[in-house]
Amino acid sequence: MKKLLATLIAGTFAVTTTAALAQTAAPAAPATPAAPAAAPAAAPMTKSDDAMKQKTAKEEKAAKKAAKKKQFAEQHKQMQKHSASASSPMNQSNPVKKPVKATSTAPAADAAKAPEAPKK
């Protein structure tokens, strides 16, 4: 019985491992070998060129970050717009009306003044 249980566990492990490996994406393409180093006499890089590349890289990074923030803000605004209910108090143009106190006792007074019907 122990052997059967061990075989079942091992088989389950093998099946799940195979299924997990089958679901992972295969590498797109093998990495290309690095280009040979350029000869130092061909074009020596100056410090100013390197600094310019770093500045442009930083500017690109800042631009990407700003674009991402802008996109997030637009998405957030759209979510707020679509999630607002029509009966939301924020969307009402009229203020909340307070109940009016009845200062006139006209109905009660009219009832008291009404003549009684004659009895037969």
N, C-alpha and C. Protein backbone atom coordinates (compact mmCIF):
# COMPACT_ATOMS: atom_id res chain seq x y z
N MET A 1 0.82 -1.19 0.00
CA MET A 1 0.00 0.00 0.00
C MET A 1 0.87 1.26 0.00
N LYS A 2 1.96 1.21 0.75
CA LYS A 2 2.86 2.36 0.81
C LYS A 2 3.50 2.60 -0.55
N LYS A 3 3.81 1.52 -1.26
CA LYS A 3 4.42 1.66 -2.57
C LYS A 3 3.43 2.30 -3.56
N LEU A 4 2.17 1.91 -3.46
CA LEU A 4 1.15 2.47 -4.33
C LEU A 4 0.97 3.97 -4.07
N LEU A 5 0.93 4.34 -2.81
CA LEU A 5 0.80 5.74 -2.43
C LEU A 5 2.01 6.56 -2.91
N ALA A 6 3.19 6.02 -2.75
CA ALA A 6 4.40 6.71 -3.20
C ALA A 6 4.41 6.86 -4.72
N THR A 7 3.95 5.82 -5.43
CA THR A 7 3.89 5.88 -6.90
C THR A 7 2.88 6.92 -7.35
N LEU A 8 1.72 6.99 -6.69
CA LEU A 8 0.71 7.98 -7.03
C LEU A 8 1.23 9.40 -6.80
N ILE A 9 1.92 9.62 -5.71
CA ILE A 9 2.46 10.95 -5.42
C ILE A 9 3.51 11.33 -6.45
N ALA A 10 4.40 10.40 -6.78
CA ALA A 10 5.44 10.66 -7.77
C ALA A 10 4.83 10.93 -9.14
N GLY A 11 3.81 10.19 -9.51
CA GLY A 11 3.14 10.40 -10.80
C GLY A 11 2.44 11.75 -10.86
N THR A 12 1.78 12.13 -9.77
CA THR A 12 1.11 13.42 -9.72
C THR A 12 2.13 14.55 -9.85
N PHE A 13 3.26 14.38 -9.17
CA PHE A 13 4.31 15.39 -9.26
C PHE A 13 4.83 15.50 -10.69
N ALA A 14 5.03 14.39 -11.34
CA ALA A 14 5.55 14.39 -12.71
C ALA A 14 4.55 15.05 -13.67
N VAL A 15 3.28 14.75 -13.51
CA VAL A 15 2.25 15.33 -14.39
C VAL A 15 2.14 16.83 -14.19
N THR A 16 2.09 17.28 -12.94
CA THR A 16 1.95 18.71 -12.69
C THR A 16 3.20 19.48 -13.13
N THR A 17 4.36 18.90 -12.95
CA THR A 17 5.59 19.56 -13.41
C THR A 17 5.60 19.69 -14.92
N THR A 18 5.19 18.63 -15.61
CA THR A 18 5.16 18.66 -17.07
C THR A 18 4.15 19.70 -17.56
N ALA A 19 3.00 19.77 -16.91
CA ALA A 19 1.98 20.75 -17.30
C ALA A 19 2.47 22.16 -17.04
N ALA A 20 3.17 22.38 -15.94
CA ALA A 20 3.68 23.71 -15.63
C ALA A 20 4.75 24.12 -16.63
N LEU A 21 5.59 23.22 -17.03
CA LEU A 21 6.62 23.54 -18.01
C LEU A 21 6.02 23.79 -19.39
N ALA A 22 4.93 23.11 -19.70
CA ALA A 22 4.29 23.29 -21.00
C ALA A 22 3.61 24.66 -21.09
N GLN A 23 3.21 25.23 -19.96
CA GLN A 23 2.53 26.52 -19.97
C GLN A 23 3.47 27.70 -20.04
N THR A 24 4.72 27.53 -19.67
CA THR A 24 5.65 28.65 -19.70
C THR A 24 6.04 28.96 -21.13
N ALA A 25 6.29 30.24 -21.39
CA ALA A 25 6.65 30.67 -22.73
C ALA A 25 8.09 30.28 -23.03
N ALA A 26 8.29 29.86 -24.26
CA ALA A 26 9.64 29.51 -24.68
C ALA A 26 10.41 30.79 -24.93
N PRO A 27 11.71 30.77 -24.78
CA PRO A 27 12.49 31.98 -25.05
C PRO A 27 12.29 32.40 -26.51
N ALA A 28 12.17 33.71 -26.72
CA ALA A 28 11.87 34.23 -28.05
C ALA A 28 12.97 33.90 -29.04
N ALA A 29 14.15 34.28 -28.75
CA ALA A 29 15.28 34.00 -29.64
C ALA A 29 16.55 33.97 -28.81
N PRO A 30 17.47 33.15 -29.18
CA PRO A 30 18.70 33.12 -28.40
C PRO A 30 19.42 34.46 -28.54
N ALA A 31 20.12 34.81 -27.52
CA ALA A 31 20.83 36.08 -27.51
C ALA A 31 21.93 36.06 -28.55
N THR A 32 22.05 37.18 -29.23
CA THR A 32 23.11 37.27 -30.24
C THR A 32 24.41 37.57 -29.53
N PRO A 33 25.49 37.09 -30.07
CA PRO A 33 26.76 37.36 -29.40
C PRO A 33 27.08 38.86 -29.46
N ALA A 34 27.79 39.32 -28.46
CA ALA A 34 28.13 40.73 -28.38
C ALA A 34 29.03 41.14 -29.54
N ALA A 35 28.86 42.36 -30.00
CA ALA A 35 29.68 42.86 -31.09
C ALA A 35 31.11 43.03 -30.59
N PRO A 36 32.07 42.81 -31.44
CA PRO A 36 33.45 42.98 -31.00
C PRO A 36 33.70 44.44 -30.61
N ALA A 37 34.56 44.63 -29.67
CA ALA A 37 34.86 45.97 -29.19
C ALA A 37 35.45 46.81 -30.30
N ALA A 38 35.04 48.07 -30.35
CA ALA A 38 35.55 48.96 -31.39
C ALA A 38 37.00 49.30 -31.09
N ALA A 39 37.72 49.52 -32.13
CA ALA A 39 39.14 49.85 -31.96
C ALA A 39 39.25 51.22 -31.32
N PRO A 40 40.15 51.42 -30.36
CA PRO A 40 40.24 52.69 -29.68
C PRO A 40 40.65 53.84 -30.61
N ALA A 41 41.34 53.56 -31.69
CA ALA A 41 41.78 54.61 -32.59
C ALA A 41 40.66 55.05 -33.52
N ALA A 42 39.59 54.23 -33.65
CA ALA A 42 38.53 54.54 -34.60
C ALA A 42 37.76 55.79 -34.18
N ALA A 43 37.20 55.81 -32.99
CA ALA A 43 36.44 56.97 -32.53
C ALA A 43 36.44 57.00 -31.02
N PRO A 44 37.39 57.66 -30.44
CA PRO A 44 37.40 57.72 -28.97
C PRO A 44 36.26 58.62 -28.48
N MET A 45 35.52 58.14 -27.48
CA MET A 45 34.40 58.91 -26.94
C MET A 45 34.94 59.93 -25.95
N THR A 46 34.44 61.12 -26.05
CA THR A 46 34.83 62.15 -25.12
C THR A 46 33.85 62.18 -23.97
N LYS A 47 34.22 62.86 -22.93
CA LYS A 47 33.35 62.94 -21.77
C LYS A 47 32.06 63.71 -22.09
N SER A 48 32.15 64.69 -22.95
CA SER A 48 30.97 65.47 -23.27
C SER A 48 29.92 64.63 -24.01
N ASP A 49 30.38 63.73 -24.90
CA ASP A 49 29.44 62.85 -25.58
C ASP A 49 28.73 61.94 -24.59
N ASP A 50 29.50 61.42 -23.66
CA ASP A 50 28.92 60.53 -22.65
C ASP A 50 27.93 61.29 -21.78
N ALA A 51 28.27 62.52 -21.40
CA ALA A 51 27.38 63.33 -20.58
C ALA A 51 26.10 63.66 -21.34
N MET A 52 26.21 63.93 -22.62
CA MET A 52 25.03 64.24 -23.44
C MET A 52 24.10 63.04 -23.51
N LYS A 53 24.68 61.85 -23.67
CA LYS A 53 23.86 60.64 -23.73
C LYS A 53 23.14 60.42 -22.40
N GLN A 54 23.82 60.68 -21.29
CA GLN A 54 23.19 60.51 -19.99
C GLN A 54 22.05 61.51 -19.80
N LYS A 55 22.26 62.76 -20.27
CA LYS A 55 21.21 63.77 -20.14
C LYS A 55 19.98 63.38 -20.97
N THR A 56 20.22 62.91 -22.18
CA THR A 56 19.08 62.53 -23.02
C THR A 56 18.36 61.32 -22.43
N ALA A 57 19.13 60.42 -21.85
CA ALA A 57 18.51 59.25 -21.22
C ALA A 57 17.64 59.69 -20.05
N LYS A 58 18.15 60.65 -19.26
CA LYS A 58 17.37 61.13 -18.12
C LYS A 58 16.12 61.86 -18.59
N GLU A 59 16.26 62.64 -19.66
CA GLU A 59 15.10 63.36 -20.20
C GLU A 59 14.06 62.40 -20.74
N GLU A 60 14.51 61.35 -21.41
CA GLU A 60 13.58 60.34 -21.92
C GLU A 60 12.86 59.65 -20.77
N LYS A 61 13.61 59.36 -19.73
CA LYS A 61 13.02 58.69 -18.58
C LYS A 61 11.98 59.60 -17.92
N ALA A 62 12.30 60.90 -17.80
CA ALA A 62 11.36 61.85 -17.21
C ALA A 62 10.12 62.00 -18.09
N ALA A 63 10.32 62.01 -19.40
CA ALA A 63 9.18 62.12 -20.32
C ALA A 63 8.27 60.90 -20.21
N LYS A 64 8.87 59.72 -20.12
CA LYS A 64 8.07 58.50 -19.97
C LYS A 64 7.28 58.53 -18.67
N LYS A 65 7.94 59.01 -17.61
CA LYS A 65 7.28 59.06 -16.31
C LYS A 65 6.11 60.04 -16.35
N ALA A 66 6.31 61.19 -16.99
CA ALA A 66 5.25 62.18 -17.10
C ALA A 66 4.08 61.65 -17.93
N ALA A 67 4.39 60.95 -19.01
CA ALA A 67 3.33 60.37 -19.84
C ALA A 67 2.55 59.31 -19.07
N LYS A 68 3.27 58.55 -18.28
CA LYS A 68 2.61 57.51 -17.49
C LYS A 68 1.69 58.14 -16.43
N LYS A 69 2.16 59.22 -15.80
CA LYS A 69 1.33 59.91 -14.81
C LYS A 69 0.08 60.49 -15.46
N LYS A 70 0.25 61.07 -16.65
CA LYS A 70 -0.87 61.67 -17.35
C LYS A 70 -1.90 60.60 -17.72
N GLN A 71 -1.42 59.45 -18.20
CA GLN A 71 -2.32 58.36 -18.57
C GLN A 71 -3.06 57.85 -17.34
N PHE A 72 -2.35 57.73 -16.22
CA PHE A 72 -2.99 57.26 -15.00
C PHE A 72 -4.06 58.25 -14.54
N ALA A 73 -3.76 59.55 -14.63
CA ALA A 73 -4.73 60.56 -14.22
C ALA A 73 -5.98 60.51 -15.10
N GLU A 74 -5.79 60.31 -16.40
CA GLU A 74 -6.94 60.21 -17.31
C GLU A 74 -7.78 58.98 -17.00
N GLN A 75 -7.12 57.86 -16.72
CA GLN A 75 -7.85 56.64 -16.38
C GLN A 75 -8.62 56.83 -15.08
N HIS A 76 -7.98 57.49 -14.12
CA HIS A 76 -8.63 57.72 -12.83
C HIS A 76 -9.86 58.61 -13.00
N LYS A 77 -9.73 59.64 -13.83
CA LYS A 77 -10.84 60.55 -14.09
C LYS A 77 -11.99 59.80 -14.76
N GLN A 78 -11.67 58.92 -15.72
CA GLN A 78 -12.70 58.15 -16.40
C GLN A 78 -13.41 57.21 -15.42
N MET A 79 -12.63 56.58 -14.53
CA MET A 79 -13.24 55.68 -13.55
C MET A 79 -14.17 56.46 -12.64
N GLN A 80 -13.74 57.65 -12.21
CA GLN A 80 -14.59 58.45 -11.35
C GLN A 80 -15.87 58.85 -12.08
N LYS A 81 -15.72 59.19 -13.36
CA LYS A 81 -16.89 59.61 -14.13
C LYS A 81 -17.88 58.47 -14.29
N HIS A 82 -17.38 57.28 -14.59
CA HIS A 82 -18.26 56.15 -14.84
C HIS A 82 -18.82 55.54 -13.56
N SER A 83 -18.15 55.74 -12.45
CA SER A 83 -18.63 55.12 -11.22
C SER A 83 -19.59 56.02 -10.45
N ALA A 84 -19.70 57.28 -10.84
CA ALA A 84 -20.61 58.19 -10.13
C ALA A 84 -22.05 57.81 -10.45
N SER A 85 -22.87 57.73 -9.43
CA SER A 85 -24.27 57.39 -9.66
C SER A 85 -25.04 58.66 -9.99
N ALA A 86 -26.14 58.50 -10.66
CA ALA A 86 -26.94 59.64 -11.08
C ALA A 86 -27.58 60.34 -9.89
N SER A 87 -27.85 59.63 -8.82
CA SER A 87 -28.50 60.22 -7.67
C SER A 87 -27.51 60.64 -6.60
N SER A 88 -26.26 60.75 -6.97
CA SER A 88 -25.24 61.14 -6.02
C SER A 88 -25.48 62.57 -5.56
N PRO A 89 -25.31 62.86 -4.27
CA PRO A 89 -25.51 64.22 -3.78
C PRO A 89 -24.54 65.22 -4.41
N MET A 90 -23.38 64.75 -4.86
CA MET A 90 -22.41 65.64 -5.48
C MET A 90 -22.91 66.14 -6.84
N ASN A 91 -23.79 65.39 -7.49
CA ASN A 91 -24.27 65.76 -8.81
C ASN A 91 -25.56 66.56 -8.78
N GLN A 92 -26.14 66.75 -7.62
CA GLN A 92 -27.40 67.46 -7.54
C GLN A 92 -27.16 68.96 -7.63
N SER A 93 -27.98 69.62 -8.44
CA SER A 93 -27.82 71.06 -8.59
C SER A 93 -28.68 71.82 -7.58
N ASN A 94 -29.69 71.16 -7.05
CA ASN A 94 -30.54 71.84 -6.07
C ASN A 94 -30.10 71.48 -4.66
N PRO A 95 -30.10 72.45 -3.75
CA PRO A 95 -29.69 72.16 -2.38
C PRO A 95 -30.77 71.36 -1.66
N VAL A 96 -30.40 70.79 -0.55
CA VAL A 96 -31.34 70.01 0.24
C VAL A 96 -32.37 70.96 0.83
N LYS A 97 -33.62 70.63 0.65
CA LYS A 97 -34.70 71.49 1.15
C LYS A 97 -35.04 71.11 2.57
N LYS A 98 -35.17 72.14 3.41
CA LYS A 98 -35.54 71.90 4.81
C LYS A 98 -37.06 71.83 4.90
N PRO A 99 -37.58 71.00 5.79
CA PRO A 99 -39.03 70.94 5.91
C PRO A 99 -39.58 72.27 6.42
N VAL A 100 -40.71 72.68 5.86
CA VAL A 100 -41.34 73.95 6.23
C VAL A 100 -42.25 73.70 7.42
N LYS A 101 -42.08 74.52 8.44
CA LYS A 101 -42.93 74.39 9.62
C LYS A 101 -44.29 75.00 9.32
N ALA A 102 -45.32 74.33 9.75
CA ALA A 102 -46.68 74.83 9.51
C ALA A 102 -46.98 75.94 10.51
N THR A 103 -47.01 77.17 10.03
CA THR A 103 -47.31 78.31 10.92
C THR A 103 -48.80 78.64 10.90
N SER A 104 -49.46 78.19 9.87
CA SER A 104 -50.89 78.48 9.75
C SER A 104 -51.68 77.31 10.30
N THR A 105 -52.68 77.62 11.09
CA THR A 105 -53.57 76.59 11.61
C THR A 105 -54.92 76.70 10.93
N ALA A 106 -54.91 77.09 9.70
CA ALA A 106 -56.15 77.31 8.96
C ALA A 106 -57.02 76.07 8.88
N PRO A 107 -56.51 74.92 8.57
CA PRO A 107 -57.41 73.77 8.49
C PRO A 107 -58.07 73.45 9.82
N ALA A 108 -57.33 73.57 10.89
CA ALA A 108 -57.91 73.28 12.19
C ALA A 108 -58.94 74.33 12.56
N ALA A 109 -58.65 75.57 12.24
CA ALA A 109 -59.59 76.66 12.57
C ALA A 109 -60.87 76.54 11.76
N ASP A 110 -60.74 76.18 10.50
CA ASP A 110 -61.91 76.02 9.65
C ASP A 110 -62.80 74.88 10.15
N ALA A 111 -62.20 73.86 10.63
CA ALA A 111 -62.97 72.73 11.14
C ALA A 111 -63.70 73.11 12.41
N ALA A 112 -63.10 73.94 13.23
CA ALA A 112 -63.74 74.34 14.48
C ALA A 112 -64.89 75.30 14.22
N LYS A 113 -64.80 76.13 13.19
CA LYS A 113 -65.82 77.11 12.89
C LYS A 113 -66.99 76.52 12.09
N ALA A 114 -66.82 75.37 11.56
CA ALA A 114 -67.87 74.78 10.72
C ALA A 114 -69.11 74.52 11.56
N PRO A 115 -70.26 74.92 11.06
CA PRO A 115 -71.49 74.69 11.83
C PRO A 115 -71.85 73.21 11.84
N GLU A 116 -72.42 72.81 12.89
CA GLU A 116 -72.84 71.42 13.01
C GLU A 116 -74.07 71.18 12.16
N ALA A 117 -74.15 70.01 11.65
CA ALA A 117 -75.30 69.66 10.83
C ALA A 117 -76.51 69.48 11.74
N PRO A 118 -77.66 70.01 11.33
CA PRO A 118 -78.86 69.84 12.17
C PRO A 118 -79.28 68.37 12.27
N LYS A 119 -79.69 68.00 13.43
CA LYS A 119 -80.12 66.62 13.66
C LYS A 119 -81.63 66.53 13.47
N LYS A 120 -82.08 65.51 12.92
CA LYS A 120 -83.51 65.30 12.71
C LYS A 120 -84.06 64.25 13.60
